Amino acid sequence: MYNGNERLFVINIFSKPYIITITTMINEQVQQKIKRRSVTSVDRREKLSRREFIKEYIEPGIPVILTDAVQSWGALDKISPKFFKDNYGHYTKEVKGVTYTFAEFMDLMVASTEEKPCPYPFNLNIENYFPELMKDIRPEVVFGKIDRVNHPLLPRFMMRGTDVYEFFLGGAGSAFPFLHIDALFLHNQATQLYGTKDFIIYPPEQAIFFYPSKENPKHSPINVLNPDYDKYPLFKEAQPLRVTLKKGETLIFPSGWWHYTQMYGPSISMGRVHLNAEYWNMYVADESREWKERSKIVGNLVYLYGKVLGKVMDLQEIFV
């Protein structure tokens, strides 16, 4: 079992900027733990109103699978390996230094096996590659009183470090075996469009078991499919939740939940990031840090604009 000294060790191995980041995260996670009931499984729900959805799951920071949120999406009847091969086969994508046409990749994805998996990750920014398909992933699932990510006063350059809408494609044997939380303290939506996909998730308070890296405190160096318990003994204490997402289902997990994925056959899912008032200040601080890597002046301007914009959105939400 772990103790307080081990928790301090995990935090203190970081340089000062990361101590601040991780300390903030831990404080937020403790607050979430206070509000959140014990979660031993992920609910599957239907016919949830937005008010119920926010009150029962988003505010207390609890993941949920919505079984009927995207029933009217055109993507459910359209998206498949054949669709991409027939309509976008000439497009290209580089994966781990190798360039594939979409036609080549779709064949590899369908033929993928546990012993010989297809290249992975193969994720595609929908707004860049397929803007014409945006209409097929409507209506939106919104995590807050307003959709802050798509607010007209929030430019896309303030989503530096992440894509808002993505397709994720993989086949049997595909996996991203390293635990992580999503960039910029954003919430995550994963909607399955073809096949199935396993999500293995851990609540925020278990972060102390994952030895987040100094370079990126939102990522764990542990290969969860082949963990080195001599090097990472605390990982033995981690208790995951595993869910299989089926076609037409949407998994929602709030910011701070650690996760990785596995596939056992051809799989296409749509990922979307979300943002609400509770995590706004953490988002602004993280976005500012992203920009300061290029320009301290720009980073400071992003921070100031983000703080002001947050107040504007707070006022808007009063009247929603």
Protein backbone atom coordinates (compact mmCIF):
# COMPACT_ATOMS: atom_id res chain seq x y z
CA MET A 1 0.00 0.00 0.00
CA TYR A 2 1.07 3.59 -0.51
CA ASN A 3 1.51 6.27 2.16
CA GLY A 4 1.85 10.05 2.35
CA ASN A 5 5.61 9.99 1.83
CA GLU A 6 5.20 8.15 -1.48
CA ARG A 7 2.71 10.78 -2.64
CA LEU A 8 5.19 13.55 -1.81
CA PHE A 9 7.97 11.73 -3.64
CA VAL A 10 5.90 11.48 -6.83
CA ILE A 11 5.23 15.21 -6.75
CA ASN A 12 8.66 16.42 -5.67
CA ILE A 13 10.58 14.77 -8.51
CA PHE A 14 9.28 17.55 -10.77
CA SER A 15 10.80 20.95 -11.36
CA LYS A 16 8.94 23.99 -10.00
CA PRO A 17 6.53 24.57 -12.93
CA TYR A 18 5.44 20.95 -12.78
CA ILE A 19 5.08 21.00 -9.01
CA ILE A 20 2.57 23.81 -9.49
CA THR A 21 0.75 21.92 -12.23
CA ILE A 22 0.56 18.63 -10.36
CA THR A 23 -0.32 20.29 -7.05
CA THR A 24 -3.20 22.07 -8.74
CA MET A 25 -4.33 18.81 -10.31
CA ILE A 26 -4.19 16.93 -7.03
CA ASN A 27 -6.15 19.66 -5.24
CA GLU A 28 -8.81 19.51 -7.93
CA GLN A 29 -8.85 15.72 -7.79
CA VAL A 30 -9.33 15.74 -4.01
CA GLN A 31 -12.29 18.06 -4.42
CA GLN A 32 -13.72 15.78 -7.09
CA LYS A 33 -13.29 12.79 -4.80
CA ILE A 34 -15.21 14.55 -2.05
CA LYS A 35 -18.14 15.20 -4.39
CA ARG A 36 -18.02 11.95 -6.34
CA ARG A 37 -19.72 8.78 -5.19
CA SER A 38 -17.66 5.61 -5.35
CA VAL A 39 -17.65 4.39 -8.94
CA THR A 40 -17.34 0.63 -9.46
CA SER A 41 -18.90 0.49 -12.92
CA VAL A 42 -19.91 2.87 -15.69
CA ASP A 43 -23.64 3.50 -16.05
CA ARG A 44 -25.37 3.08 -19.40
CA ARG A 45 -28.15 5.67 -19.63
CA GLU A 46 -30.74 6.77 -22.14
CA LYS A 47 -33.20 9.64 -22.40
CA LEU A 48 -31.17 11.88 -20.08
CA SER A 49 -32.04 15.57 -20.18
CA ARG A 50 -29.11 17.98 -20.33
CA ARG A 51 -29.94 19.11 -16.78
CA GLU A 52 -29.86 15.52 -15.50
CA PHE A 53 -26.70 14.76 -17.47
CA ILE A 54 -24.82 17.73 -15.99
CA LYS A 55 -26.11 17.25 -12.43
CA GLU A 56 -25.65 13.48 -12.19
CA TYR A 57 -22.41 13.05 -14.12
CA ILE A 58 -20.55 16.17 -15.22
CA GLU A 59 -20.67 18.15 -11.95
CA PRO A 60 -19.62 15.20 -9.74
CA GLY A 61 -17.05 14.06 -12.32
CA ILE A 62 -18.49 10.62 -13.08
CA PRO A 63 -18.16 8.86 -16.45
CA VAL A 64 -21.26 7.58 -18.23
CA ILE A 65 -22.21 5.86 -21.47
CA LEU A 66 -25.10 7.50 -23.33
CA THR A 67 -26.79 4.86 -25.47
CA ASP A 68 -29.11 7.13 -27.48
CA ALA A 69 -27.37 10.53 -27.69
CA VAL A 70 -26.37 10.22 -31.36
CA GLN A 71 -29.15 8.12 -32.85
CA SER A 72 -29.84 10.77 -35.51
CA TRP A 73 -26.20 11.12 -36.64
CA GLY A 74 -25.70 10.53 -40.35
CA ALA A 75 -22.22 9.17 -39.53
CA LEU A 76 -23.71 5.96 -38.12
CA ASP A 77 -24.96 4.86 -41.54
CA LYS A 78 -21.99 6.25 -43.45
CA ILE A 79 -18.65 5.77 -41.69
CA SER A 80 -16.81 2.51 -42.40
CA PRO A 81 -13.43 1.36 -43.76
CA LYS A 82 -15.03 0.99 -47.20
CA PHE A 83 -16.40 4.55 -47.04
CA PHE A 84 -12.95 6.01 -46.38
CA LYS A 85 -11.30 3.78 -49.00
CA ASP A 86 -13.86 4.63 -51.69
CA ASN A 87 -14.10 8.35 -51.02
CA TYR A 88 -10.71 9.33 -49.59
CA GLY A 89 -8.41 6.52 -50.66
CA HIS A 90 -5.90 8.92 -52.21
CA TYR A 91 -5.45 10.91 -48.98
CA THR A 92 -2.25 10.19 -47.03
CA LYS A 93 -1.26 10.00 -43.37
CA GLU A 94 2.12 9.45 -41.74
CA VAL A 95 2.29 7.02 -38.84
CA LYS A 96 5.59 6.50 -37.04
CA GLY A 97 7.62 7.76 -39.97
CA VAL A 98 5.80 5.77 -42.67
CA THR A 99 3.32 7.39 -45.08
CA TYR A 100 0.19 5.42 -45.99
CA THR A 101 -2.63 6.21 -48.37
CA PHE A 102 -6.03 5.85 -46.74
CA ALA A 103 -6.74 2.97 -49.14
CA GLU A 104 -3.62 1.15 -47.93
CA PHE A 105 -4.43 1.77 -44.30
CA MET A 106 -8.05 0.57 -44.59
CA ASP A 107 -6.82 -2.74 -46.01
CA LEU A 108 -4.31 -3.05 -43.17
CA MET A 109 -6.96 -2.17 -40.58
CA VAL A 110 -9.40 -4.82 -41.83
CA ALA A 111 -6.63 -7.45 -41.99
CA SER A 112 -5.11 -6.48 -38.64
CA THR A 113 -4.48 -9.22 -36.07
CA GLU A 114 -3.18 -9.43 -32.52
CA GLU A 115 0.08 -10.82 -33.90
CA LYS A 116 0.38 -8.30 -36.72
CA PRO A 117 -1.56 -5.15 -35.82
CA CYS A 118 -2.07 -2.29 -38.24
CA PRO A 119 -0.18 1.00 -37.74
CA TYR A 120 -1.46 2.93 -34.74
CA PRO A 121 -2.44 5.56 -33.71
CA PHE A 122 -4.27 6.64 -36.87
CA ASN A 123 -6.24 9.72 -35.87
CA LEU A 124 -7.61 12.35 -38.24
CA ASN A 125 -8.62 15.94 -37.53
CA ILE A 126 -12.17 16.06 -38.93
CA GLU A 127 -12.25 19.83 -39.41
CA ASN A 128 -9.05 19.69 -41.48
CA TYR A 129 -9.49 16.44 -43.42
CA PHE A 130 -13.27 16.16 -43.76
CA PRO A 131 -15.09 19.46 -43.09
CA GLU A 132 -17.95 18.18 -45.26
CA LEU A 133 -18.57 15.40 -42.71
CA MET A 134 -19.16 17.76 -39.79
CA LYS A 135 -22.88 17.76 -40.58
CA ASP A 136 -22.90 13.99 -39.99
CA ILE A 137 -21.83 14.32 -36.35
CA ARG A 138 -24.71 16.57 -35.32
CA PRO A 139 -26.46 17.35 -33.05
CA GLU A 140 -23.69 17.95 -30.54
CA VAL A 141 -23.51 16.42 -27.08
CA VAL A 142 -22.83 19.44 -24.84
CA PHE A 143 -21.26 19.13 -21.38
CA GLY A 144 -22.26 22.52 -19.97
CA LYS A 145 -24.92 25.19 -20.05
CA ILE A 146 -23.22 26.50 -23.20
CA ASP A 147 -20.71 24.93 -25.61
CA ARG A 148 -17.56 26.77 -24.51
CA VAL A 149 -15.24 25.03 -26.99
CA ASN A 150 -17.30 26.34 -29.91
CA HIS A 151 -18.04 29.75 -28.40
CA PRO A 152 -17.73 32.46 -31.10
CA LEU A 153 -15.24 34.39 -28.95
CA LEU A 154 -12.93 31.40 -28.42
CA PRO A 155 -10.67 31.09 -31.50
CA ARG A 156 -9.34 27.67 -32.50
CA PHE A 157 -5.75 28.80 -31.91
CA MET A 158 -6.64 28.71 -28.20
CA MET A 159 -7.02 24.95 -28.53
CA ARG A 160 -3.29 24.59 -29.12
CA GLY A 161 -2.16 21.12 -28.12
CA THR A 162 -5.34 19.30 -29.09
CA ASP A 163 -7.83 18.73 -31.92
CA VAL A 164 -11.47 19.41 -31.18
CA TYR A 165 -12.97 16.74 -33.47
CA GLU A 166 -11.11 13.58 -34.49
CA PHE A 167 -11.71 10.19 -36.04
CA PHE A 168 -9.72 7.36 -34.42
CA LEU A 169 -9.18 4.26 -36.54
CA GLY A 170 -7.62 0.95 -35.54
CA GLY A 171 -7.84 -2.80 -35.92
CA ALA A 172 -7.37 -6.00 -33.95
CA GLY A 173 -4.31 -5.68 -31.75
CA SER A 174 -4.32 -1.88 -31.85
CA ALA A 175 -3.77 -0.26 -28.48
CA PHE A 176 -2.38 2.85 -26.89
CA PRO A 177 -1.02 1.20 -23.76
CA PHE A 178 0.16 4.32 -21.94
CA LEU A 179 -2.14 5.97 -19.44
CA HIS A 180 -2.84 9.66 -19.98
CA ILE A 181 -5.33 12.40 -19.31
CA ASP A 182 -6.40 14.65 -22.13
CA ALA A 183 -4.68 17.93 -22.95
CA LEU A 184 -5.68 21.27 -21.44
CA PHE A 185 -7.85 19.68 -18.72
CA LEU A 186 -10.63 19.13 -21.25
CA HIS A 187 -13.49 16.67 -20.91
CA ASN A 188 -13.67 13.82 -23.41
CA GLN A 189 -16.43 12.40 -25.58
CA ALA A 190 -15.87 9.16 -27.49
CA THR A 191 -18.62 8.03 -29.86
CA GLN A 192 -18.31 4.64 -31.55
CA LEU A 193 -19.20 4.73 -35.24
CA TYR A 194 -17.98 1.32 -36.45
CA GLY A 195 -17.08 -1.84 -34.58
CA THR A 196 -16.29 -1.79 -30.87
CA LYS A 197 -13.56 -0.33 -28.69
CA ASP A 198 -12.47 -0.97 -25.12
CA PHE A 199 -11.74 1.94 -22.80
CA ILE A 200 -9.85 1.29 -19.57
CA ILE A 201 -10.26 4.25 -17.24
CA TYR A 202 -9.07 5.24 -13.78
CA PRO A 203 -10.43 8.02 -11.51
CA PRO A 204 -8.29 11.14 -10.93
CA GLU A 205 -7.32 10.28 -7.37
CA GLN A 206 -5.38 7.25 -8.63
CA ALA A 207 -2.86 9.53 -10.40
CA ILE A 208 -0.34 8.86 -7.63
CA PHE A 209 -0.07 5.25 -8.86
CA PHE A 210 0.96 6.22 -12.39
CA TYR A 211 4.31 8.02 -11.95
CA PRO A 212 3.44 10.87 -14.35
CA SER A 213 6.48 11.94 -16.32
CA LYS A 214 8.46 15.09 -15.63
CA GLU A 215 8.24 16.17 -19.27
CA ASN A 216 4.46 15.74 -19.40
CA PRO A 217 2.64 15.29 -16.10
CA LYS A 218 -0.50 14.22 -17.95
CA HIS A 219 1.18 11.05 -19.23
CA SER A 220 2.37 7.93 -17.44
CA PRO A 221 5.53 6.08 -18.54
CA ILE A 222 4.02 2.72 -17.56
CA ASN A 223 3.16 0.25 -20.30
CA VAL A 224 -0.04 -1.02 -18.75
CA LEU A 225 -0.09 -4.13 -20.95
CA ASN A 226 3.32 -5.15 -19.63
CA PRO A 227 3.96 -3.19 -16.43
CA ASP A 228 7.32 -3.25 -14.68
CA TYR A 229 6.23 -3.60 -11.06
CA ASP A 230 9.80 -3.46 -9.81
CA LYS A 231 10.15 0.01 -11.31
CA TYR A 232 6.55 1.12 -10.66
CA PRO A 233 5.36 -0.76 -7.55
CA LEU A 234 2.48 1.62 -6.79
CA PHE A 235 0.78 0.63 -10.03
CA LYS A 236 -0.28 -2.61 -8.31
CA GLU A 237 -2.75 -0.50 -6.30
CA ALA A 238 -4.52 0.89 -9.38
CA GLN A 239 -8.10 -0.26 -9.91
CA PRO A 240 -9.40 0.27 -13.45
CA LEU A 241 -12.87 0.33 -14.90
CA ARG A 242 -13.17 -1.38 -18.30
CA VAL A 243 -16.00 -0.66 -20.70
CA THR A 244 -16.69 -1.84 -24.23
CA LEU A 245 -18.16 0.88 -26.40
CA LYS A 246 -20.55 -0.38 -29.08
CA LYS A 247 -21.66 1.29 -32.31
CA GLY A 248 -23.92 4.24 -31.57
CA GLU A 249 -22.82 4.58 -27.94
CA THR A 250 -21.07 7.61 -26.47
CA LEU A 251 -18.66 7.43 -23.54
CA ILE A 252 -18.32 10.62 -21.54
CA PHE A 253 -15.49 10.94 -19.06
CA PRO A 254 -14.71 14.21 -17.30
CA SER A 255 -11.32 15.85 -17.12
CA GLY A 256 -8.73 14.12 -14.99
CA TRP A 257 -9.77 10.52 -15.70
CA TRP A 258 -6.74 8.49 -16.82
CA HIS A 259 -7.32 6.10 -19.70
CA TYR A 260 -6.03 3.91 -22.49
CA THR A 261 -7.76 1.96 -25.25
CA GLN A 262 -7.70 -1.48 -26.89
CA MET A 263 -9.31 -2.86 -30.07
CA TYR A 264 -10.10 -6.43 -31.12
CA GLY A 265 -11.38 -5.76 -34.64
CA PRO A 266 -11.83 -2.88 -37.10
CA SER A 267 -12.87 0.17 -35.11
CA ILE A 268 -13.74 3.79 -35.92
CA SER A 269 -14.68 6.25 -33.22
CA MET A 270 -15.18 9.99 -33.06
CA GLY A 271 -13.52 11.94 -30.27
CA ARG A 272 -14.49 15.42 -29.20
CA VAL A 273 -13.18 17.64 -26.41
CA HIS A 274 -15.41 19.70 -24.14
CA LEU A 275 -14.96 22.47 -21.63
CA ASN A 276 -17.10 23.89 -18.87
CA ALA A 277 -16.91 26.46 -16.09
CA GLU A 278 -15.47 24.17 -13.42
CA TYR A 279 -12.21 23.55 -15.32
CA TRP A 280 -12.00 26.88 -17.14
CA ASN A 281 -9.18 28.37 -15.04
CA MET A 282 -7.08 25.19 -15.36
CA TYR A 283 -7.67 25.19 -19.10
CA VAL A 284 -6.59 28.84 -19.41
CA ALA A 285 -3.42 28.26 -17.36
CA ASP A 286 -2.49 25.18 -19.40
CA GLU A 287 -3.21 26.87 -22.73
CA SER A 288 -1.08 29.82 -21.65
CA ARG A 289 1.81 27.45 -20.84
CA GLU A 290 1.48 25.87 -24.29
CA TRP A 291 1.90 29.27 -25.94
CA LYS A 292 4.69 30.43 -23.65
CA GLU A 293 6.84 27.65 -25.12
CA ARG A 294 6.84 29.78 -28.30
CA SER A 295 6.42 33.28 -26.95
CA LYS A 296 6.13 34.52 -23.38
CA ILE A 297 4.29 37.63 -24.59
CA VAL A 298 1.71 35.62 -26.53
CA GLY A 299 1.31 33.24 -23.60
CA ASN A 300 0.57 36.12 -21.24
CA LEU A 301 -1.93 37.63 -23.70
CA VAL A 302 -3.67 34.26 -24.07
CA TYR A 303 -3.90 34.02 -20.28
CA LEU A 304 -5.41 37.50 -19.87
CA TYR A 305 -7.87 37.01 -22.73
CA GLY A 306 -8.89 33.62 -21.38
CA LYS A 307 -9.57 34.98 -17.91
CA VAL A 308 -11.74 37.80 -19.29
CA LEU A 309 -13.56 35.47 -21.68
CA GLY A 310 -14.30 33.10 -18.83
CA LYS A 311 -16.09 35.88 -16.97
CA VAL A 312 -18.11 36.69 -20.08
CA MET A 313 -19.16 33.04 -20.42
CA ASP A 314 -20.03 32.87 -16.70
CA LEU A 315 -22.42 35.79 -17.19
CA GLN A 316 -23.97 34.12 -20.23
CA GLU A 317 -24.57 30.93 -18.31
CA ILE A 318 -26.55 32.78 -15.63
CA PHE A 319 -29.28 33.36 -18.19
CA VAL A 320 -29.31 29.85 -19.68
